[in-house]
C-alpha atoms as a PDB file:
ATOM      1  CA  UNK A   1       6.958 -13.653   4.136  1.00  0.00           C
ATOM      2  CA  UNK A   2       7.970 -12.450   7.097  1.00  0.00           C
ATOM      3  CA  UNK A   3      11.906 -12.845   5.561  1.00  0.00           C
ATOM      4  CA  UNK A   4      10.577  -9.945   2.739  1.00  0.00           C
ATOM      5  CA  UNK A   5       9.305  -7.943   4.985  1.00  0.00           C
ATOM      6  CA  UNK A   6      12.371  -8.041   7.072  1.00  0.00           C
ATOM      7  CA  UNK A   7      14.761  -7.106   3.918  1.00  0.00           C
ATOM      8  CA  UNK A   8      12.156  -4.352   3.106  1.00  0.00           C
ATOM      9  CA  UNK A   9      12.006  -2.828   6.410  1.00  0.00           C
ATOM     10  CA  UNK A  10      15.953  -3.136   6.411  1.00  0.00           C
ATOM     11  CA  UNK A  11      15.866  -1.749   2.780  1.00  0.00           C
ATOM     12  CA  UNK A  12      13.727   1.734   4.084  1.00  0.00           C
ATOM     13  CA  UNK A  13      16.350   1.868   7.113  1.00  0.00           C
ATOM     14  CA  UNK A  14      19.198   1.994   5.047  1.00  0.00           C
ATOM     15  CA  UNK A  15      17.940   4.493   2.757  1.00  0.00           C
ATOM     16  CA  UNK A  16      17.028   6.938   5.120  1.00  0.00           C
ATOM     17  CA  UNK A  17      20.643   6.388   6.906  1.00  0.00           C
ATOM     18  CA  UNK A  18      22.488   7.682   3.871  1.00  0.00           C
ATOM     19  CA  UNK A  19      23.302  11.374   4.046  1.00  0.00           C
ATOM     20  CA  UNK A  20      24.318  11.643   0.635  1.00  0.00           C
ATOM     21  CA  UNK A  21      20.574  10.895  -0.759  1.00  0.00           C
ATOM     22  CA  UNK A  22      17.722  13.539  -1.028  1.00  0.00           C
ATOM     23  CA  UNK A  23      14.505  11.477  -0.235  1.00  0.00           C
ATOM     24  CA  UNK A  24      11.767  11.285   2.395  1.00  0.00           C
ATOM     25  CA  UNK A  25      10.977   8.965   5.283  1.00  0.00           C
ATOM     26  CA  UNK A  26       7.482   7.974   6.133  1.00  0.00           C
ATOM     27  CA  UNK A  27       5.320   7.075   8.810  1.00  0.00           C
ATOM     28  CA  UNK A  28       1.478   6.301   9.397  1.00  0.00           C
ATOM     29  CA  UNK A  29      -1.622   5.254  10.853  1.00  0.00           C
ATOM     30  CA  UNK A  30      -4.520   3.980   8.383  1.00  0.00           C
ATOM     31  CA  UNK A  31      -7.966   2.815   8.536  1.00  0.00           C
ATOM     32  CA  UNK A  32      -7.619  -0.953   7.970  1.00  0.00           C
ATOM     33  CA  UNK A  33      -9.781  -2.652   4.966  1.00  0.00           C
ATOM     34  CA  UNK A  34     -12.308   0.308   4.358  1.00  0.00           C
ATOM     35  CA  UNK A  35     -15.432  -0.145   2.240  1.00  0.00           C
ATOM     36  CA  UNK A  36     -14.628   2.403  -0.726  1.00  0.00           C
ATOM     37  CA  UNK A  37     -15.282   2.095  -5.115  1.00  0.00           C
ATOM     38  CA  UNK A  38     -12.727  -0.398  -5.214  1.00  0.00           C
ATOM     39  CA  UNK A  39     -12.602  -2.409  -2.033  1.00  0.00           C
ATOM     40  CA  UNK A  40     -15.640  -4.386  -0.357  1.00  0.00           C
ATOM     41  CA  UNK A  41     -14.088  -3.721   3.108  1.00  0.00           C
ATOM     42  CA  UNK A  42     -15.358  -5.002   6.734  1.00  0.00           C
ATOM     43  CA  UNK A  43     -13.415  -7.952   6.566  1.00  0.00           C
ATOM     44  CA  UNK A  44     -10.346  -7.224   8.792  1.00  0.00           C
ATOM     45  CA  UNK A  45     -10.344  -5.136  12.028  1.00  0.00           C
ATOM     46  CA  UNK A  46      -7.489  -2.986  13.595  1.00  0.00           C
ATOM     47  CA  UNK A  47      -5.123  -0.147  12.172  1.00  0.00           C
ATOM     48  CA  UNK A  48      -2.439  -0.568   9.859  1.00  0.00           C
ATOM     49  CA  UNK A  49       1.294   1.340  10.810  1.00  0.00           C
ATOM     50  CA  UNK A  50       2.836   1.947   7.755  1.00  0.00           C
ATOM     51  CA  UNK A  51       6.416   3.047   7.450  1.00  0.00           C
ATOM     52  CA  UNK A  52       8.456   3.840   3.957  1.00  0.00           C
ATOM     53  CA  UNK A  53      10.947   5.823   2.135  1.00  0.00           C
ATOM     54  CA  UNK A  54      10.514   7.840  -0.858  1.00  0.00           C
ATOM     55  CA  UNK A  55      13.239   9.304  -3.508  1.00  0.00           C
ATOM     56  CA  UNK A  56      13.236  12.864  -4.669  1.00  0.00           C
ATOM     57  CA  UNK A  57      12.063  12.750  -8.011  1.00  0.00           C
ATOM     58  CA  UNK A  58      15.004  11.115 -10.678  1.00  0.00           C
ATOM     59  CA  UNK A  59      16.008  12.976 -13.750  1.00  0.00           C
ATOM     60  CA  UNK A  60      17.210   9.518 -14.897  1.00  0.00           C
ATOM     61  CA  UNK A  61      13.767   8.823 -15.488  1.00  0.00           C
ATOM     62  CA  UNK A  62      12.894  12.043 -17.209  1.00  0.00           C
ATOM     63  CA  UNK A  63      11.457   9.626 -20.235  1.00  0.00           C
ATOM     64  CA  UNK A  64       8.743   8.878 -17.446  1.00  0.00           C
ATOM     65  CA  UNK A  65       8.018  12.554 -16.016  1.00  0.00           C
ATOM     66  CA  UNK A  66      10.598  11.791 -13.422  1.00  0.00           C
ATOM     67  CA  UNK A  67       8.878   9.499 -10.818  1.00  0.00           C
ATOM     68  CA  UNK A  68      10.052   9.496  -7.470  1.00  0.00           C
ATOM     69  CA  UNK A  69      10.704   5.533  -5.909  1.00  0.00           C
ATOM     70  CA  UNK A  70       8.635   4.733  -3.028  1.00  0.00           C
ATOM     71  CA  UNK A  71       8.783   1.207  -0.591  1.00  0.00           C
ATOM     72  CA  UNK A  72       6.697   0.737   2.315  1.00  0.00           C
ATOM     73  CA  UNK A  73       5.973  -1.916   4.624  1.00  0.00           C
ATOM     74  CA  UNK A  74       2.558  -2.212   6.177  1.00  0.00           C
ATOM     75  CA  UNK A  75       1.966  -4.286   9.639  1.00  0.00           C
ATOM     76  CA  UNK A  76      -1.697  -4.700  11.036  1.00  0.00           C
ATOM     77  CA  UNK A  77      -2.437  -4.148  14.505  1.00  0.00           C
ATOM     78  CA  UNK A  78      -5.080  -6.989  14.877  1.00  0.00           C
ATOM     79  CA  UNK A  79      -3.252 -10.012  13.077  1.00  0.00           C
ATOM     80  CA  UNK A  80      -4.468  -9.211   9.655  1.00  0.00           C
ATOM     81  CA  UNK A  81      -3.005  -8.527   6.171  1.00  0.00           C
ATOM     82  CA  UNK A  82       0.680  -7.115   6.296  1.00  0.00           C
ATOM     83  CA  UNK A  83       2.595  -6.259   3.032  1.00  0.00           C
ATOM     84  CA  UNK A  84       5.345  -5.061   1.647  1.00  0.00           C
ATOM     85  CA  UNK A  85       5.464  -2.891  -1.541  1.00  0.00           C
ATOM     86  CA  UNK A  86       7.483  -0.581  -4.000  1.00  0.00           C
ATOM     87  CA  UNK A  87       6.307   1.612  -7.013  1.00  0.00           C
ATOM     88  CA  UNK A  88       6.698   5.044  -8.592  1.00  0.00           C
ATOM     89  CA  UNK A  89       4.537   8.283  -7.724  1.00  0.00           C
ATOM     90  CA  UNK A  90       4.617  11.127  -9.023  1.00  0.00           C
ATOM     91  CA  UNK A  91       3.944  14.914  -7.609  1.00  0.00           C
ATOM     92  CA  UNK A  92       1.778  17.681  -8.702  1.00  0.00           C
ATOM     93  CA  UNK A  93       2.098  21.039  -6.762  1.00  0.00           C
ATOM     94  CA  UNK A  94      -0.480  23.278  -6.060  1.00  0.00           C
ATOM     95  CA  UNK A  95      -1.003  26.492  -3.878  1.00  0.00           C
ATOM     96  CA  UNK A  96       2.569  27.266  -5.180  1.00  0.00           C
ATOM     97  CA  UNK A  97       4.726  24.406  -3.213  1.00  0.00           C
ATOM     98  CA  UNK A  98       3.074  24.139  -0.193  1.00  0.00           C
ATOM     99  CA  UNK A  99       0.183  21.775  -1.227  1.00  0.00           C
ATOM    100  CA  UNK A 100       0.576  18.614  -3.513  1.00  0.00           C
ATOM    101  CA  UNK A 101      -0.999  15.884  -5.040  1.00  0.00           C
ATOM    102  CA  UNK A 102       1.042  12.397  -5.602  1.00  0.00           C
ATOM    103  CA  UNK A 103      -0.596   9.574  -7.793  1.00  0.00           C
ATOM    104  CA  UNK A 104       1.273   6.271  -7.544  1.00  0.00           C
ATOM    105  CA  UNK A 105       1.603   2.621  -8.738  1.00  0.00           C
ATOM    106  CA  UNK A 106       3.558  -0.430  -7.769  1.00  0.00           C
ATOM    107  CA  UNK A 107       3.529  -3.713  -6.773  1.00  0.00           C
ATOM    108  CA  UNK A 108       3.138  -5.652  -3.551  1.00  0.00           C
ATOM    109  CA  UNK A 109       3.185  -8.619  -1.647  1.00  0.00           C
ATOM    110  CA  UNK A 110       1.186  -9.777   0.968  1.00  0.00           C
ATOM    111  CA  UNK A 111       0.365 -11.951   4.166  1.00  0.00           C
ATOM    112  CA  UNK A 112      -3.044 -12.383   3.928  1.00  0.00           C
ATOM    113  CA  UNK A 113      -5.026 -15.034   2.467  1.00  0.00           C
ATOM    114  CA  UNK A 114      -4.980 -16.568  -0.981  1.00  0.00           C
ATOM    115  CA  UNK A 115      -7.309 -19.509  -2.449  1.00  0.00           C
ATOM    116  CA  UNK A 116     -10.593 -19.945  -0.509  1.00  0.00           C
ATOM    117  CA  UNK A 117     -12.296 -23.100  -1.810  1.00  0.00           C
ATOM    118  CA  UNK A 118     -14.843 -21.516  -4.338  1.00  0.00           C
ATOM    119  CA  UNK A 119     -18.760 -22.311  -3.289  1.00  0.00           C
ATOM    120  CA  UNK A 120     -19.640 -22.393  -7.095  1.00  0.00           C
ATOM    121  CA  UNK A 121     -17.052 -25.914  -7.775  1.00  0.00           C
ATOM    122  CA  UNK A 122     -19.493 -28.582  -9.005  1.00  0.00           C
ATOM    123  CA  UNK A 123     -20.376 -31.412  -7.514  1.00  0.00           C
ATOM    124  CA  UNK A 124     -20.705 -29.706  -3.841  1.00  0.00           C
ATOM    125  CA  UNK A 125     -23.513 -30.922  -1.119  1.00  0.00           C
ATOM    126  CA  UNK A 126     -25.528 -27.875  -0.347  1.00  0.00           C
ATOM    127  CA  UNK A 127     -23.703 -27.664   3.492  1.00  0.00           C
ATOM    128  CA  UNK A 128     -20.195 -27.587   1.715  1.00  0.00           C
ATOM    129  CA  UNK A 129     -21.173 -25.280  -0.748  1.00  0.00           C
ATOM    130  CA  UNK A 130     -22.428 -23.099   2.467  1.00  0.00           C
ATOM    131  CA  UNK A 131     -20.005 -23.131   4.352  1.00  0.00           C
ATOM    132  CA  UNK A 132     -17.628 -22.072   1.332  1.00  0.00           C
ATOM    133  CA  UNK A 133     -20.110 -19.313   0.738  1.00  0.00           C
ATOM    134  CA  UNK A 134     -19.973 -18.088   4.179  1.00  0.00           C
ATOM    135  CA  UNK A 135     -16.219 -18.182   4.088  1.00  0.00           C
ATOM    136  CA  UNK A 136     -16.013 -16.161   1.256  1.00  0.00           C
ATOM    137  CA  UNK A 137     -18.219 -13.563   2.896  1.00  0.00           C
ATOM    138  CA  UNK A 138     -16.326 -13.215   5.995  1.00  0.00           C
ATOM    139  CA  UNK A 139     -12.917 -13.722   5.544  1.00  0.00           C
ATOM    140  CA  UNK A 140     -10.525 -11.695   3.415  1.00  0.00           C
ATOM    141  CA  UNK A 141      -8.749 -13.737   0.406  1.00  0.00           C
ATOM    142  CA  UNK A 142      -7.276 -11.396  -2.009  1.00  0.00           C
ATOM    143  CA  UNK A 143      -6.722 -13.873  -4.843  1.00  0.00           C
ATOM    144  CA  UNK A 144      -3.323 -13.495  -5.622  1.00  0.00           C
ATOM    145  CA  UNK A 145      -0.255 -13.285  -3.410  1.00  0.00           C
ATOM    146  CA  UNK A 146       1.322 -10.123  -5.761  1.00  0.00           C
ATOM    147  CA  UNK A 147      -1.068  -7.741  -6.377  1.00  0.00           C
ATOM    148  CA  UNK A 148      -1.253  -4.039  -7.659  1.00  0.00           C
ATOM    149  CA  UNK A 149      -0.472  -1.089  -5.391  1.00  0.00           C
ATOM    150  CA  UNK A 150      -2.323   1.914  -6.483  1.00  0.00           C
ATOM    151  CA  UNK A 151      -1.996   5.098  -4.059  1.00  0.00           C
ATOM    152  CA  UNK A 152      -2.036   8.809  -3.628  1.00  0.00           C
ATOM    153  CA  UNK A 153      -1.572  11.087  -0.991  1.00  0.00           C
ATOM    154  CA  UNK A 154      -2.571  14.950  -0.546  1.00  0.00           C
ATOM    155  CA  UNK A 155      -0.056  16.393   1.337  1.00  0.00           C
ATOM    156  CA  UNK A 156       0.641  20.199   2.899  1.00  0.00           C
ATOM    157  CA  UNK A 157       4.090  21.038   3.164  1.00  0.00           C
ATOM    158  CA  UNK A 158       4.573  22.697   6.729  1.00  0.00           C
ATOM    159  CA  UNK A 159       8.139  23.704   6.678  1.00  0.00           C
ATOM    160  CA  UNK A 160      11.341  22.878   4.291  1.00  0.00           C
ATOM    161  CA  UNK A 161      11.922  19.406   5.838  1.00  0.00           C
ATOM    162  CA  UNK A 162       8.176  18.331   7.588  1.00  0.00           C
ATOM    163  CA  UNK A 163       4.821  17.262   5.414  1.00  0.00           C
ATOM    164  CA  UNK A 164       1.640  15.858   6.514  1.00  0.00           C
ATOM    165  CA  UNK A 165      -0.177  13.875   4.093  1.00  0.00           C
ATOM    166  CA  UNK A 166      -3.640  12.165   3.763  1.00  0.00           C
ATOM    167  CA  UNK A 167      -3.405   8.887   2.299  1.00  0.00           C
ATOM    168  CA  UNK A 168      -4.847   5.762   0.597  1.00  0.00           C
ATOM    169  CA  UNK A 169      -3.013   2.613  -0.241  1.00  0.00           C
ATOM    170  CA  UNK A 170      -5.372  -0.279  -2.151  1.00  0.00           C
ATOM    171  CA  UNK A 171      -4.585  -3.896  -3.091  1.00  0.00           C
ATOM    172  CA  UNK A 172      -5.967  -5.563  -5.709  1.00  0.00           C
ATOM    173  CA  UNK A 173      -5.225  -7.968  -8.730  1.00  0.00           C
ATOM    174  CA  UNK A 174      -7.855  -6.258 -11.124  1.00  0.00           C
ATOM    175  CA  UNK A 175      -9.298  -9.780 -11.370  1.00  0.00           C
ATOM    176  CA  UNK A 176      -6.398 -10.977 -13.485  1.00  0.00           C
ATOM    177  CA  UNK A 177      -5.917 -14.012 -11.439  1.00  0.00           C
ATOM    178  CA  UNK A 178      -9.522 -14.662 -11.112  1.00  0.00           C
ATOM    179  CA  UNK A 179     -13.346 -13.703 -10.044  1.00  0.00           C
ATOM    180  CA  UNK A 180     -12.116 -13.748  -6.122  1.00  0.00           C
ATOM    181  CA  UNK A 181     -10.830  -9.676  -5.960  1.00  0.00           C
ATOM    182  CA  UNK A 182     -12.433  -8.215  -3.047  1.00  0.00           C
ATOM    183  CA  UNK A 183      -9.630  -5.808  -3.141  1.00  0.00           C
ATOM    184  CA  UNK A 184      -8.150  -4.230   0.185  1.00  0.00           C
ATOM    185  CA  UNK A 185      -8.222  -0.425   0.630  1.00  0.00           C
ATOM    186  CA  UNK A 186      -6.362   1.491   3.731  1.00  0.00           C
ATOM    187  CA  UNK A 187      -6.752   5.272   4.628  1.00  0.00           C
ATOM    188  CA  UNK A 188      -5.012   7.383   6.810  1.00  0.00           C
ATOM    189  CA  UNK A 189      -2.308  10.031   8.323  1.00  0.00           C
ATOM    190  CA  UNK A 190       0.857   9.656   7.753  1.00  0.00           C
ATOM    191  CA  UNK A 191       4.176  12.207   8.492  1.00  0.00           C
ATOM    192  CA  UNK A 192       6.461  12.838   6.161  1.00  0.00           C
ATOM    193  CA  UNK A 193      10.243  13.890   7.150  1.00  0.00           C
ATOM    194  CA  UNK A 194      12.224  15.384   3.856  1.00  0.00           C
ATOM    195  CA  UNK A 195      16.079  13.926   4.638  1.00  0.00           C
ATOM    196  CA  UNK A 196      19.381  14.740   2.623  1.00  0.00           C
ATOM    197  CA  UNK A 197      20.698  16.649   0.418  1.00  0.00           C
ATOM    198  CA  UNK A 198      19.476  17.575  -2.414  1.00  0.00           C
ATOM    199  CA  UNK A 199      20.983  17.542  -6.204  1.00  0.00           C
END
């Protein structure tokens, strides 16, 4: 898993280092494992440090309404779940082009727990059932190593190069990998720097 996170970080740095390509570099701090409509929350502590890159809208993908490709790496400050994700996002400007809403969807791989034993397994003693139930209720088990990564951001374009975003990132397998699906939600602020030469 560390190798995957290292490769993802290397890809992000390589993208930022290219002066020819237009895109955006992202850096933010998030409240980790929040309780929201899609996540149980409260299992893990600390903040999530998130860094990533995002391309300009791609004319090559005009059949999909010219999305942007995003890649990010998230590291927890208290030893919780780290993850790397990649996907597509679409930008919708309003109030001229100073503000925008940007939803996205991708896939993520993470370092957290997967496969805590079920307390509903038949034949368990009462004590074992209770022990497993406590684990399910107090430890984050995301149910699958690979997860969907829906996200959205609300951005303000402060200058031609610099923006600030309120951002929400969610990890879940939508119960495709079983009933164990507490979800993971991170909500925070990130700075965005636009680099390169526009096409």
